[in-house]
Amino acid sequence: MIGIVVCLLEKIGWIGNLPGDFFYRKGNVSFYFPFATCVVLSIVASLVIGIISKLR
């Protein structure tokens, strides 16, 4: 389910393009690690879960 949400959010444009997302390319090899995007999504998920748990 989270994968579907991330795929839908990619259309926004800022997902995966934040400062702190690492992209390395040399020749035929490329490496991408969305560190800043992972941090932002983790904070948002924690806030949503916290709000839901307070409402219960």
PDB file of N, CA and C in Angstrom:
ATOM      1  N   MET A   1       0.823  -1.184   0.000  1.00  0.00           N
ATOM      2  CA  MET A   1       0.000   0.000   0.000  1.00  0.00           C
ATOM      3  C   MET A   1       0.872   1.254   0.000  1.00  0.00           C
ATOM      4  N   ILE A   2       1.940   1.236   0.768  1.00  0.00           N
ATOM      5  CA  ILE A   2       2.833   2.391   0.828  1.00  0.00           C
ATOM      6  C   ILE A   2       3.496   2.613  -0.531  1.00  0.00           C
ATOM      7  N   GLY A   3       3.834   1.530  -1.211  1.00  0.00           N
ATOM      8  CA  GLY A   3       4.431   1.643  -2.537  1.00  0.00           C
ATOM      9  C   GLY A   3       3.507   2.320  -3.528  1.00  0.00           C
ATOM     10  N   ILE A   4       2.223   2.010  -3.445  1.00  0.00           N
ATOM     11  CA  ILE A   4       1.240   2.642  -4.328  1.00  0.00           C
ATOM     12  C   ILE A   4       1.152   4.137  -4.040  1.00  0.00           C
ATOM     13  N   VAL A   5       1.142   4.490  -2.758  1.00  0.00           N
ATOM     14  CA  VAL A   5       1.082   5.903  -2.376  1.00  0.00           C
ATOM     15  C   VAL A   5       2.317   6.643  -2.883  1.00  0.00           C
ATOM     16  N   VAL A   6       3.492   6.041  -2.733  1.00  0.00           N
ATOM     17  CA  VAL A   6       4.724   6.683  -3.196  1.00  0.00           C
ATOM     18  C   VAL A   6       4.698   6.850  -4.713  1.00  0.00           C
ATOM     19  N   CYS A   7       4.209   5.842  -5.419  1.00  0.00           N
ATOM     20  CA  CYS A   7       4.108   5.956  -6.886  1.00  0.00           C
ATOM     21  C   CYS A   7       3.171   7.095  -7.281  1.00  0.00           C
ATOM     22  N   LEU A   8       2.090   7.262  -6.557  1.00  0.00           N
ATOM     23  CA  LEU A   8       1.170   8.354  -6.858  1.00  0.00           C
ATOM     24  C   LEU A   8       1.770   9.706  -6.505  1.00  0.00           C
ATOM     25  N   LEU A   9       2.535   9.762  -5.432  1.00  0.00           N
ATOM     26  CA  LEU A   9       3.147  11.021  -5.013  1.00  0.00           C
ATOM     27  C   LEU A   9       4.299  11.431  -5.922  1.00  0.00           C
ATOM     28  N   GLU A  10       4.872  10.493  -6.674  1.00  0.00           N
ATOM     29  CA  GLU A  10       5.957  10.847  -7.586  1.00  0.00           C
ATOM     30  C   GLU A  10       5.490  11.836  -8.645  1.00  0.00           C
ATOM     31  N   LYS A  11       4.211  11.838  -8.939  1.00  0.00           N
ATOM     32  CA  LYS A  11       3.679  12.752  -9.937  1.00  0.00           C
ATOM     33  C   LYS A  11       3.693  14.192  -9.446  1.00  0.00           C
ATOM     34  N   ILE A  12       3.818  14.394  -8.144  1.00  0.00           N
ATOM     35  CA  ILE A  12       3.887  15.749  -7.585  1.00  0.00           C
ATOM     36  C   ILE A  12       5.172  16.431  -8.042  1.00  0.00           C
ATOM     37  N   GLY A  13       6.266  15.698  -8.075  1.00  0.00           N
ATOM     38  CA  GLY A  13       7.514  16.253  -8.585  1.00  0.00           C
ATOM     39  C   GLY A  13       8.608  16.405  -7.550  1.00  0.00           C
ATOM     40  N   TRP A  14       8.278  16.661  -6.312  1.00  0.00           N
ATOM     41  CA  TRP A  14       9.333  16.861  -5.321  1.00  0.00           C
ATOM     42  C   TRP A  14       9.759  15.557  -4.664  1.00  0.00           C
ATOM     43  N   ILE A  15       8.935  14.527  -4.777  1.00  0.00           N
ATOM     44  CA  ILE A  15       9.312  13.231  -4.197  1.00  0.00           C
ATOM     45  C   ILE A  15      10.496  12.680  -4.988  1.00  0.00           C
ATOM     46  N   GLY A  16      11.585  12.439  -4.296  1.00  0.00           N
ATOM     47  CA  GLY A  16      12.775  11.907  -4.947  1.00  0.00           C
ATOM     48  C   GLY A  16      13.700  12.955  -5.515  1.00  0.00           C
ATOM     49  N   ASN A  17      13.349  14.214  -5.396  1.00  0.00           N
ATOM     50  CA  ASN A  17      14.190  15.291  -5.932  1.00  0.00           C
ATOM     51  C   ASN A  17      14.572  16.298  -4.865  1.00  0.00           C
ATOM     52  N   LEU A  18      14.540  15.906  -3.626  1.00  0.00           N
ATOM     53  CA  LEU A  18      14.891  16.813  -2.540  1.00  0.00           C
ATOM     54  C   LEU A  18      16.404  16.920  -2.395  1.00  0.00           C
ATOM     55  N   PRO A  19      16.888  18.042  -1.862  1.00  0.00           N
ATOM     56  CA  PRO A  19      18.312  18.102  -1.530  1.00  0.00           C
ATOM     57  C   PRO A  19      18.599  17.053  -0.462  1.00  0.00           C
ATOM     58  N   GLY A  20      19.613  16.287  -0.639  1.00  0.00           N
ATOM     59  CA  GLY A  20      19.919  15.205   0.285  1.00  0.00           C
ATOM     60  C   GLY A  20      19.598  13.846  -0.303  1.00  0.00           C
ATOM     61  N   ASP A  21      18.964  13.810  -1.462  1.00  0.00           N
ATOM     62  CA  ASP A  21      18.757  12.565  -2.189  1.00  0.00           C
ATOM     63  C   ASP A  21      20.009  12.336  -3.030  1.00  0.00           C
ATOM     64  N   PHE A  22      20.637  11.206  -2.828  1.00  0.00           N
ATOM     65  CA  PHE A  22      21.922  10.943  -3.459  1.00  0.00           C
ATOM     66  C   PHE A  22      21.750  10.217  -4.781  1.00  0.00           C
ATOM     67  N   PHE A  23      22.419  10.725  -5.800  1.00  0.00           N
ATOM     68  CA  PHE A  23      22.421  10.093  -7.111  1.00  0.00           C
ATOM     69  C   PHE A  23      23.852  10.097  -7.627  1.00  0.00           C
ATOM     70  N   TYR A  24      24.342   8.918  -7.960  1.00  0.00           N
ATOM     71  CA  TYR A  24      25.710   8.775  -8.446  1.00  0.00           C
ATOM     72  C   TYR A  24      25.670   8.028  -9.771  1.00  0.00           C
ATOM     73  N   ARG A  25      26.337   8.572 -10.773  1.00  0.00           N
ATOM     74  CA  ARG A  25      26.398   7.907 -12.070  1.00  0.00           C
ATOM     75  C   ARG A  25      27.828   7.960 -12.583  1.00  0.00           C
ATOM     76  N   LYS A  26      28.323   6.803 -12.967  1.00  0.00           N
ATOM     77  CA  LYS A  26      29.650   6.724 -13.571  1.00  0.00           C
ATOM     78  C   LYS A  26      29.601   5.639 -14.634  1.00  0.00           C
ATOM     79  N   GLY A  27      29.689   6.046 -15.867  1.00  0.00           N
ATOM     80  CA  GLY A  27      29.631   5.087 -16.965  1.00  0.00           C
ATOM     81  C   GLY A  27      28.259   4.434 -17.041  1.00  0.00           C
ATOM     82  N   ASN A  28      28.240   3.122 -17.002  1.00  0.00           N
ATOM     83  CA  ASN A  28      26.987   2.369 -17.080  1.00  0.00           C
ATOM     84  C   ASN A  28      26.363   2.110 -15.716  1.00  0.00           C
ATOM     85  N   VAL A  29      27.011   2.540 -14.661  1.00  0.00           N
ATOM     86  CA  VAL A  29      26.555   2.261 -13.298  1.00  0.00           C
ATOM     87  C   VAL A  29      25.914   3.512 -12.718  1.00  0.00           C
ATOM     88  N   SER A  30      24.728   3.342 -12.149  1.00  0.00           N
ATOM     89  CA  SER A  30      24.097   4.451 -11.445  1.00  0.00           C
ATOM     90  C   SER A  30      23.543   3.942 -10.121  1.00  0.00           C
ATOM     91  N   PHE A  31      23.588   4.817  -9.124  1.00  0.00           N
ATOM     92  CA  PHE A  31      23.112   4.489  -7.787  1.00  0.00           C
ATOM     93  C   PHE A  31      22.274   5.655  -7.295  1.00  0.00           C
ATOM     94  N   TYR A  32      21.088   5.349  -6.804  1.00  0.00           N
ATOM     95  CA  TYR A  32      20.184   6.379  -6.308  1.00  0.00           C
ATOM     96  C   TYR A  32      19.693   5.982  -4.932  1.00  0.00           C
ATOM     97  N   PHE A  33      19.845   6.872  -3.955  1.00  0.00           N
ATOM     98  CA  PHE A  33      19.321   6.637  -2.619  1.00  0.00           C
ATOM     99  C   PHE A  33      18.600   7.900  -2.157  1.00  0.00           C
ATOM    100  N   PRO A  34      17.268   7.851  -2.033  1.00  0.00           N
ATOM    101  CA  PRO A  34      16.491   9.036  -1.659  1.00  0.00           C
ATOM    102  C   PRO A  34      16.477   9.256  -0.144  1.00  0.00           C
ATOM    103  N   PHE A  35      17.608   9.649   0.421  1.00  0.00           N
ATOM    104  CA  PHE A  35      17.730   9.791   1.876  1.00  0.00           C
ATOM    105  C   PHE A  35      16.780  10.844   2.430  1.00  0.00           C
ATOM    106  N   ALA A  36      16.782  12.038   1.853  1.00  0.00           N
ATOM    107  CA  ALA A  36      15.930  13.122   2.362  1.00  0.00           C
ATOM    108  C   ALA A  36      14.449  12.780   2.193  1.00  0.00           C
ATOM    109  N   THR A  37      14.096  12.157   1.087  1.00  0.00           N
ATOM    110  CA  THR A  37      12.713  11.752   0.865  1.00  0.00           C
ATOM    111  C   THR A  37      12.281  10.719   1.894  1.00  0.00           C
ATOM    112  N   CYS A  38      13.163   9.785   2.224  1.00  0.00           N
ATOM    113  CA  CYS A  38      12.846   8.781   3.254  1.00  0.00           C
ATOM    114  C   CYS A  38      12.615   9.444   4.608  1.00  0.00           C
ATOM    115  N   VAL A  39      13.426  10.432   4.936  1.00  0.00           N
ATOM    116  CA  VAL A  39      13.273  11.134   6.215  1.00  0.00           C
ATOM    117  C   VAL A  39      11.938  11.877   6.260  1.00  0.00           C
ATOM    118  N   VAL A  40      11.605  12.584   5.190  1.00  0.00           N
ATOM    119  CA  VAL A  40      10.349  13.338   5.144  1.00  0.00           C
ATOM    120  C   VAL A  40       9.150  12.395   5.234  1.00  0.00           C
ATOM    121  N   LEU A  41       9.164  11.309   4.480  1.00  0.00           N
ATOM    122  CA  LEU A  41       8.057  10.348   4.530  1.00  0.00           C
ATOM    123  C   LEU A  41       7.952   9.682   5.894  1.00  0.00           C
ATOM    124  N   SER A  42       9.084   9.439   6.547  1.00  0.00           N
ATOM    125  CA  SER A  42       9.068   8.852   7.885  1.00  0.00           C
ATOM    126  C   SER A  42       8.435   9.810   8.896  1.00  0.00           C
ATOM    127  N   ILE A  43       8.768  11.084   8.811  1.00  0.00           N
ATOM    128  CA  ILE A  43       8.194  12.081   9.721  1.00  0.00           C
ATOM    129  C   ILE A  43       6.692  12.196   9.499  1.00  0.00           C
ATOM    130  N   VAL A  44       6.282  12.244   8.246  1.00  0.00           N
ATOM    131  CA  VAL A  44       4.847  12.346   7.936  1.00  0.00           C
ATOM    132  C   VAL A  44       4.105  11.115   8.427  1.00  0.00           C
ATOM    133  N   ALA A  45       4.664   9.932   8.197  1.00  0.00           N
ATOM    134  CA  ALA A  45       4.023   8.696   8.644  1.00  0.00           C
ATOM    135  C   ALA A  45       3.928   8.654  10.170  1.00  0.00           C
ATOM    136  N   SER A  46       4.973   9.103  10.870  1.00  0.00           N
ATOM    137  CA  SER A  46       4.951   9.131  12.337  1.00  0.00           C
ATOM    138  C   SER A  46       3.875  10.080  12.855  1.00  0.00           C
ATOM    139  N   LEU A  47       3.744  11.232  12.218  1.00  0.00           N
ATOM    140  CA  LEU A  47       2.714  12.186  12.627  1.00  0.00           C
ATOM    141  C   LEU A  47       1.315  11.618  12.407  1.00  0.00           C
ATOM    142  N   VAL A  48       1.093  10.998  11.264  1.00  0.00           N
ATOM    143  CA  VAL A  48      -0.222  10.420  10.967  1.00  0.00           C
ATOM    144  C   VAL A  48      -0.553   9.309  11.947  1.00  0.00           C
ATOM    145  N   ILE A  49       0.397   8.438  12.218  1.00  0.00           N
ATOM    146  CA  ILE A  49       0.163   7.346  13.167  1.00  0.00           C
ATOM    147  C   ILE A  49      -0.068   7.891  14.569  1.00  0.00           C
ATOM    148  N   GLY A  50       0.668   8.933  14.956  1.00  0.00           N
ATOM    149  CA  GLY A  50       0.474   9.548  16.269  1.00  0.00           C
ATOM    150  C   GLY A  50      -0.904  10.168  16.411  1.00  0.00           C
ATOM    151  N   ILE A  51      -1.344  10.845  15.364  1.00  0.00           N
ATOM    152  CA  ILE A  51      -2.674  11.463  15.400  1.00  0.00           C
ATOM    153  C   ILE A  51      -3.767  10.389  15.476  1.00  0.00           C
ATOM    154  N   ILE A  52      -3.610   9.337  14.694  1.00  0.00           N
ATOM    155  CA  ILE A  52      -4.603   8.257  14.709  1.00  0.00           C
ATOM    156  C   ILE A  52      -4.656   7.578  16.080  1.00  0.00           C
ATOM    157  N   SER A  53      -3.478   7.369  16.685  1.00  0.00           N
ATOM    158  CA  SER A  53      -3.463   6.709  17.992  1.00  0.00           C
ATOM    159  C   SER A  53      -4.063   7.609  19.083  1.00  0.00           C
ATOM    160  N   LYS A  54      -3.913   8.918  18.966  1.00  0.00           N
ATOM    161  CA  LYS A  54      -4.508   9.844  19.955  1.00  0.00           C
ATOM    162  C   LYS A  54      -6.032   9.859  19.815  1.00  0.00           C
ATOM    163  N   LEU A  55      -6.533   9.717  18.594  1.00  0.00           N
ATOM    164  CA  LEU A  55      -7.966   9.746  18.367  1.00  0.00           C
ATOM    165  C   LEU A  55      -8.670   8.469  18.849  1.00  0.00           C
ATOM    166  N   ARG A  56      -7.937   7.393  18.950  1.00  0.00           N
ATOM    167  CA  ARG A  56      -8.526   6.132  19.398  1.00  0.00           C
ATOM    168  C   ARG A  56      -8.672   6.184  20.854  1.00  0.00           C
TER     169      ARG A  56
END
